[in-house]
Amino acid sequence: MGNEEKAEQDTTEELLDTYERKRKNKTDDVIATQAVLCIILAVMFCCGRFFYPEITEAVFTRLKGLASDSSYVIVNPIDLLREVIDKH
């Protein structure tokens, strides 16, 4: 019985240590995710500019318009979906 209690305590301590490490690294994960997304978007725009210049230009123009318009800080996805549905 003593060995089982000791093993259970070690497992609990290991879980707590793992949880603490993950909790401390949350901000690093967010920053890394944003960096990866930015790199992927940059590669997509570069490749899109080469293969589909008209479409890429239209997307970039729309993105530039959204970035310069202060009324749309975050685009509401429900309104965006409604606009797409209304067009069809």
Protein backbone atom coordinates (compact mmCIF):
# COMPACT_ATOMS: atom_id res chain seq x y z
CA MET A 1 0.00 0.00 0.00
CA GLY A 2 2.83 2.42 0.72
CA ASN A 3 4.18 2.16 -2.83
CA GLU A 4 0.75 2.87 -4.34
CA GLU A 5 0.32 6.02 -2.23
CA LYS A 6 3.81 7.18 -3.16
CA ALA A 7 3.14 6.58 -6.88
CA GLU A 8 -0.17 8.42 -6.63
CA GLN A 9 1.50 11.39 -4.94
CA ASP A 10 4.24 11.50 -7.59
CA THR A 11 1.64 11.43 -10.36
CA THR A 12 -0.33 14.25 -8.76
CA GLU A 13 2.79 16.36 -8.33
CA GLU A 14 3.82 15.70 -11.92
CA LEU A 15 0.37 16.76 -13.14
CA LEU A 16 0.53 19.95 -11.08
CA ASP A 17 4.00 20.73 -12.42
CA THR A 18 2.84 20.14 -15.99
CA TYR A 19 -0.21 22.36 -15.45
CA GLU A 20 1.91 25.18 -14.00
CA ARG A 21 4.37 25.02 -16.91
CA LYS A 22 1.57 25.13 -19.47
CA ARG A 23 -0.14 28.00 -17.69
CA LYS A 24 3.07 30.04 -17.63
CA ASN A 25 3.72 29.48 -21.34
CA LYS A 26 0.25 30.60 -22.53
CA THR A 27 1.42 34.05 -23.68
CA ASP A 28 4.33 32.50 -25.55
CA ASP A 29 1.91 30.19 -27.35
CA VAL A 30 -0.30 33.10 -28.39
CA ILE A 31 2.65 35.07 -29.73
CA ALA A 32 4.02 32.04 -31.57
CA THR A 33 0.60 31.30 -33.10
CA GLN A 34 0.25 34.89 -34.32
CA ALA A 35 3.73 34.81 -35.82
CA VAL A 36 3.02 31.56 -37.65
CA LEU A 37 -0.28 32.91 -38.98
CA CYS A 38 1.42 36.07 -40.23
CA ILE A 39 4.09 34.03 -42.00
CA ILE A 40 1.47 31.77 -43.60
CA LEU A 41 -0.55 34.79 -44.77
CA ALA A 42 2.56 36.43 -46.21
CA VAL A 43 3.46 33.27 -48.12
CA MET A 44 -0.12 32.93 -49.37
CA PHE A 45 -0.12 36.54 -50.61
CA CYS A 46 3.24 36.07 -52.35
CA CYS A 47 2.16 32.84 -54.04
CA GLY A 48 -1.27 34.25 -54.81
CA ARG A 49 0.30 37.32 -56.40
CA PHE A 50 2.28 35.03 -58.68
CA PHE A 51 -0.48 32.55 -59.62
CA TYR A 52 -3.69 34.59 -59.22
CA PRO A 53 -2.79 38.29 -59.37
CA GLU A 54 -6.35 39.61 -59.90
CA ILE A 55 -7.85 37.72 -56.98
CA THR A 56 -4.94 38.52 -54.70
CA GLU A 57 -5.14 42.19 -55.59
CA ALA A 58 -8.87 42.24 -54.80
CA VAL A 59 -8.33 40.53 -51.44
CA PHE A 60 -5.44 42.85 -50.59
CA THR A 61 -7.50 45.92 -51.52
CA ARG A 62 -10.36 44.73 -49.33
CA LEU A 63 -7.94 44.04 -46.46
CA LYS A 64 -6.36 47.45 -46.87
CA GLY A 65 -9.80 49.06 -46.83
CA LEU A 66 -10.77 47.24 -43.65
CA ALA A 67 -7.49 48.18 -41.99
CA SER A 68 -7.91 51.86 -42.80
CA ASP A 69 -11.59 52.05 -41.74
CA SER A 70 -11.77 52.62 -37.99
CA SER A 71 -15.45 51.67 -37.73
CA TYR A 72 -14.59 48.00 -38.35
CA VAL A 73 -12.12 47.18 -35.64
CA ILE A 74 -13.25 43.57 -35.68
CA VAL A 75 -15.53 42.39 -38.44
CA ASN A 76 -18.60 40.66 -37.11
CA PRO A 77 -18.60 37.21 -38.74
CA ILE A 78 -22.39 36.94 -38.52
CA ASP A 79 -22.86 40.18 -40.48
CA LEU A 80 -20.27 39.04 -42.99
CA LEU A 81 -22.09 35.72 -43.45
CA ARG A 82 -25.40 37.53 -43.81
CA GLU A 83 -23.95 39.77 -46.54
CA VAL A 84 -22.69 36.71 -48.45
CA ILE A 85 -26.08 34.98 -48.14
CA ASP A 86 -27.95 38.11 -49.23
CA LYS A 87 -25.83 38.38 -52.39
CA HIS A 88 -26.86 34.88 -53.49
